[in-house]
Amino acid sequence: MPTALEHIRVIDFGQYIAGPLLGMLLADQGAEVVRVEPPGGPVWDALANGT
């Protein structure tokens, strides 16, 4: 079954809570999300950052 954002690609440069959470919500709706982290990893450890 097709999803709402099936053919959409998103580049996620977000940090803290809002950016990674939005990327996760977009992926849940079918978007392809490419996460780009700063050198050394996320500045803040949170579940939304995947850590």
PDB file of N, CA and C in Angstrom:
ATOM      1  N   MET A   1       0.838  -1.177   0.000  1.00  0.00           N
ATOM      2  CA  MET A   1       0.000   0.000   0.000  1.00  0.00           C
ATOM      3  C   MET A   1       0.886   1.246   0.000  1.00  0.00           C
ATOM      4  N   PRO A   2       0.687   2.164  -0.931  1.00  0.00           N
ATOM      5  CA  PRO A   2       1.508   3.371  -0.984  1.00  0.00           C
ATOM      6  C   PRO A   2       1.286   4.263   0.243  1.00  0.00           C
ATOM      7  N   THR A   3       2.343   4.957   0.612  1.00  0.00           N
ATOM      8  CA  THR A   3       2.256   5.885   1.748  1.00  0.00           C
ATOM      9  C   THR A   3       2.266   7.321   1.236  1.00  0.00           C
ATOM     10  N   ALA A   4       1.963   8.253   2.117  1.00  0.00           N
ATOM     11  CA  ALA A   4       1.814   9.657   1.725  1.00  0.00           C
ATOM     12  C   ALA A   4       3.108  10.264   1.178  1.00  0.00           C
ATOM     13  N   LEU A   5       4.250   9.871   1.702  1.00  0.00           N
ATOM     14  CA  LEU A   5       5.530  10.488   1.311  1.00  0.00           C
ATOM     15  C   LEU A   5       6.474   9.484   0.652  1.00  0.00           C
ATOM     16  N   GLU A   6       5.922   8.540  -0.044  1.00  0.00           N
ATOM     17  CA  GLU A   6       6.702   7.417  -0.576  1.00  0.00           C
ATOM     18  C   GLU A   6       7.848   7.845  -1.488  1.00  0.00           C
ATOM     19  N   HIS A   7       7.699   8.854  -2.302  1.00  0.00           N
ATOM     20  CA  HIS A   7       8.739   9.239  -3.266  1.00  0.00           C
ATOM     21  C   HIS A   7       9.474  10.515  -2.860  1.00  0.00           C
ATOM     22  N   ILE A   8       9.439  10.851  -1.585  1.00  0.00           N
ATOM     23  CA  ILE A   8      10.088  12.067  -1.081  1.00  0.00           C
ATOM     24  C   ILE A   8      11.392  11.682  -0.392  1.00  0.00           C
ATOM     25  N   ARG A   9      12.457  12.450  -0.666  1.00  0.00           N
ATOM     26  CA  ARG A   9      13.742  12.266   0.016  1.00  0.00           C
ATOM     27  C   ARG A   9      14.017  13.491   0.864  1.00  0.00           C
ATOM     28  N   VAL A  10      14.502  13.269   2.080  1.00  0.00           N
ATOM     29  CA  VAL A  10      14.755  14.338   3.040  1.00  0.00           C
ATOM     30  C   VAL A  10      16.181  14.178   3.559  1.00  0.00           C
ATOM     31  N   ILE A  11      16.907  15.276   3.661  1.00  0.00           N
ATOM     32  CA  ILE A  11      18.225  15.273   4.296  1.00  0.00           C
ATOM     33  C   ILE A  11      18.053  15.902   5.669  1.00  0.00           C
ATOM     34  N   ASP A  12      18.406  15.158   6.700  1.00  0.00           N
ATOM     35  CA  ASP A  12      18.220  15.597   8.084  1.00  0.00           C
ATOM     36  C   ASP A  12      19.552  16.039   8.668  1.00  0.00           C
ATOM     37  N   PHE A  13      19.692  17.359   8.893  1.00  0.00           N
ATOM     38  CA  PHE A  13      20.863  17.929   9.550  1.00  0.00           C
ATOM     39  C   PHE A  13      20.538  18.296  10.998  1.00  0.00           C
ATOM     40  N   GLY A  14      19.363  17.907  11.466  1.00  0.00           N
ATOM     41  CA  GLY A  14      18.850  18.363  12.756  1.00  0.00           C
ATOM     42  C   GLY A  14      19.623  17.839  13.951  1.00  0.00           C
ATOM     43  N   GLN A  15      19.567  18.600  15.019  1.00  0.00           N
ATOM     44  CA  GLN A  15      20.172  18.234  16.295  1.00  0.00           C
ATOM     45  C   GLN A  15      19.136  18.406  17.393  1.00  0.00           C
ATOM     46  N   TYR A  16      19.488  17.994  18.588  1.00  0.00           N
ATOM     47  CA  TYR A  16      18.627  18.079  19.767  1.00  0.00           C
ATOM     48  C   TYR A  16      17.378  17.240  19.558  1.00  0.00           C
ATOM     49  N   ILE A  17      16.192  17.733  19.774  1.00  0.00           N
ATOM     50  CA  ILE A  17      14.996  16.900  19.687  1.00  0.00           C
ATOM     51  C   ILE A  17      14.224  17.126  18.392  1.00  0.00           C
ATOM     52  N   ALA A  18      13.995  18.366  18.030  1.00  0.00           N
ATOM     53  CA  ALA A  18      13.066  18.677  16.937  1.00  0.00           C
ATOM     54  C   ALA A  18      13.502  18.096  15.592  1.00  0.00           C
ATOM     55  N   GLY A  19      14.764  18.248  15.222  1.00  0.00           N
ATOM     56  CA  GLY A  19      15.228  17.771  13.916  1.00  0.00           C
ATOM     57  C   GLY A  19      15.120  16.268  13.752  1.00  0.00           C
ATOM     58  N   PRO A  20      15.742  15.487  14.641  1.00  0.00           N
ATOM     59  CA  PRO A  20      15.657  14.036  14.495  1.00  0.00           C
ATOM     60  C   PRO A  20      14.231  13.497  14.645  1.00  0.00           C
ATOM     61  N   LEU A  21      13.434  14.124  15.503  1.00  0.00           N
ATOM     62  CA  LEU A  21      12.053  13.677  15.669  1.00  0.00           C
ATOM     63  C   LEU A  21      11.264  13.892  14.388  1.00  0.00           C
ATOM     64  N   LEU A  22      11.456  15.022  13.750  1.00  0.00           N
ATOM     65  CA  LEU A  22      10.763  15.279  12.489  1.00  0.00           C
ATOM     66  C   LEU A  22      11.206  14.279  11.419  1.00  0.00           C
ATOM     67  N   GLY A  23      12.496  13.983  11.357  1.00  0.00           N
ATOM     68  CA  GLY A  23      12.975  12.977  10.404  1.00  0.00           C
ATOM     69  C   GLY A  23      12.340  11.623  10.649  1.00  0.00           C
ATOM     70  N   MET A  24      12.182  11.260  11.913  1.00  0.00           N
ATOM     71  CA  MET A  24      11.555   9.991  12.253  1.00  0.00           C
ATOM     72  C   MET A  24      10.076   9.981  11.841  1.00  0.00           C
ATOM     73  N   LEU A  25       9.379  11.086  12.071  1.00  0.00           N
ATOM     74  CA  LEU A  25       7.967  11.164  11.688  1.00  0.00           C
ATOM     75  C   LEU A  25       7.797  11.110  10.169  1.00  0.00           C
ATOM     76  N   LEU A  26       8.690  11.781   9.431  1.00  0.00           N
ATOM     77  CA  LEU A  26       8.635  11.733   7.970  1.00  0.00           C
ATOM     78  C   LEU A  26       8.913  10.319   7.462  1.00  0.00           C
ATOM     79  N   ALA A  27       9.865   9.639   8.080  1.00  0.00           N
ATOM     80  CA  ALA A  27      10.169   8.261   7.684  1.00  0.00           C
ATOM     81  C   ALA A  27       8.987   7.340   7.969  1.00  0.00           C
ATOM     82  N   ASP A  28       8.290   7.585   9.071  1.00  0.00           N
ATOM     83  CA  ASP A  28       7.105   6.783   9.388  1.00  0.00           C
ATOM     84  C   ASP A  28       6.019   6.928   8.323  1.00  0.00           C
ATOM     85  N   GLN A  29       6.008   8.069   7.637  1.00  0.00           N
ATOM     86  CA  GLN A  29       5.014   8.306   6.593  1.00  0.00           C
ATOM     87  C   GLN A  29       5.518   7.893   5.210  1.00  0.00           C
ATOM     88  N   GLY A  30       6.731   7.307   5.152  1.00  0.00           N
ATOM     89  CA  GLY A  30       7.221   6.739   3.906  1.00  0.00           C
ATOM     90  C   GLY A  30       8.352   7.491   3.227  1.00  0.00           C
ATOM     91  N   ALA A  31       8.769   8.626   3.765  1.00  0.00           N
ATOM     92  CA  ALA A  31       9.863   9.377   3.156  1.00  0.00           C
ATOM     93  C   ALA A  31      11.191   8.651   3.377  1.00  0.00           C
ATOM     94  N   GLU A  32      12.103   8.828   2.435  1.00  0.00           N
ATOM     95  CA  GLU A  32      13.461   8.322   2.600  1.00  0.00           C
ATOM     96  C   GLU A  32      14.263   9.419   3.290  1.00  0.00           C
ATOM     97  N   VAL A  33      14.724   9.171   4.503  1.00  0.00           N
ATOM     98  CA  VAL A  33      15.417  10.179   5.298  1.00  0.00           C
ATOM     99  C   VAL A  33      16.892   9.808   5.381  1.00  0.00           C
ATOM    100  N   VAL A  34      17.750  10.753   4.973  1.00  0.00           N
ATOM    101  CA  VAL A  34      19.197  10.571   5.068  1.00  0.00           C
ATOM    102  C   VAL A  34      19.686  11.487   6.188  1.00  0.00           C
ATOM    103  N   ARG A  35      20.226  10.874   7.210  1.00  0.00           N
ATOM    104  CA  ARG A  35      20.676  11.636   8.377  1.00  0.00           C
ATOM    105  C   ARG A  35      22.154  11.975   8.227  1.00  0.00           C
ATOM    106  N   VAL A  36      22.495  13.240   8.440  1.00  0.00           N
ATOM    107  CA  VAL A  36      23.872  13.709   8.381  1.00  0.00           C
ATOM    108  C   VAL A  36      24.246  14.225   9.760  1.00  0.00           C
ATOM    109  N   GLU A  37      25.241  13.600  10.370  1.00  0.00           N
ATOM    110  CA  GLU A  37      25.660  13.998  11.716  1.00  0.00           C
ATOM    111  C   GLU A  37      26.955  14.787  11.642  1.00  0.00           C
ATOM    112  N   PRO A  38      27.180  15.654  12.625  1.00  0.00           N
ATOM    113  CA  PRO A  38      28.438  16.399  12.662  1.00  0.00           C
ATOM    114  C   PRO A  38      29.602  15.454  12.996  1.00  0.00           C
ATOM    115  N   PRO A  39      30.818  15.858  12.647  1.00  0.00           N
ATOM    116  CA  PRO A  39      31.971  15.033  13.024  1.00  0.00           C
ATOM    117  C   PRO A  39      31.996  14.824  14.545  1.00  0.00           C
ATOM    118  N   GLY A  40      32.214  13.616  14.963  1.00  0.00           N
ATOM    119  CA  GLY A  40      32.225  13.328  16.393  1.00  0.00           C
ATOM    120  C   GLY A  40      30.874  12.892  16.929  1.00  0.00           C
ATOM    121  N   GLY A  41      29.853  12.858  16.101  1.00  0.00           N
ATOM    122  CA  GLY A  41      28.539  12.400  16.526  1.00  0.00           C
ATOM    123  C   GLY A  41      27.652  13.509  17.054  1.00  0.00           C
ATOM    124  N   PRO A  42      26.455  13.139  17.529  1.00  0.00           N
ATOM    125  CA  PRO A  42      25.510  14.130  18.014  1.00  0.00           C
ATOM    126  C   PRO A  42      26.052  14.889  19.224  1.00  0.00           C
ATOM    127  N   VAL A  43      25.665  16.147  19.311  1.00  0.00           N
ATOM    128  CA  VAL A  43      26.091  16.982  20.429  1.00  0.00           C
ATOM    129  C   VAL A  43      25.374  16.566  21.702  1.00  0.00           C
ATOM    130  N   TRP A  44      24.126  16.133  21.566  1.00  0.00           N
ATOM    131  CA  TRP A  44      23.296  15.789  22.712  1.00  0.00           C
ATOM    132  C   TRP A  44      22.742  14.390  22.526  1.00  0.00           C
ATOM    133  N   ASP A  45      22.950  13.505  23.494  1.00  0.00           N
ATOM    134  CA  ASP A  45      22.454  12.140  23.402  1.00  0.00           C
ATOM    135  C   ASP A  45      20.973  12.101  23.738  1.00  0.00           C
ATOM    136  N   ALA A  46      20.177  11.575  22.834  1.00  0.00           N
ATOM    137  CA  ALA A  46      18.730  11.422  23.044  1.00  0.00           C
ATOM    138  C   ALA A  46      18.255  10.230  22.236  1.00  0.00           C
ATOM    139  N   LEU A  47      17.124   9.672  22.618  1.00  0.00           N
ATOM    140  CA  LEU A  47      16.576   8.537  21.885  1.00  0.00           C
ATOM    141  C   LEU A  47      16.276   8.902  20.435  1.00  0.00           C
ATOM    142  N   ALA A  48      15.854  10.134  20.185  1.00  0.00           N
ATOM    143  CA  ALA A  48      15.547  10.572  18.818  1.00  0.00           C
ATOM    144  C   ALA A  48      16.801  10.637  17.958  1.00  0.00           C
ATOM    145  N   ASN A  49      17.970  10.769  18.562  1.00  0.00           N
ATOM    146  CA  ASN A  49      19.226  10.789  17.813  1.00  0.00           C
ATOM    147  C   ASN A  49      19.689   9.389  17.447  1.00  0.00           C
ATOM    148  N   GLY A  50      19.010   8.382  17.952  1.00  0.00           N
ATOM    149  CA  GLY A  50      19.397   7.000  17.653  1.00  0.00           C
ATOM    150  C   GLY A  50      20.506   6.490  18.539  1.00  0.00           C
ATOM    151  N   THR A  51      20.752   7.168  19.677  1.00  0.00           N
ATOM    152  CA  THR A  51      21.803   6.702  20.581  1.00  0.00           C
ATOM    153  C   THR A  51      21.213   6.068  21.809  1.00  0.00           C
TER     154      THR A  51
END
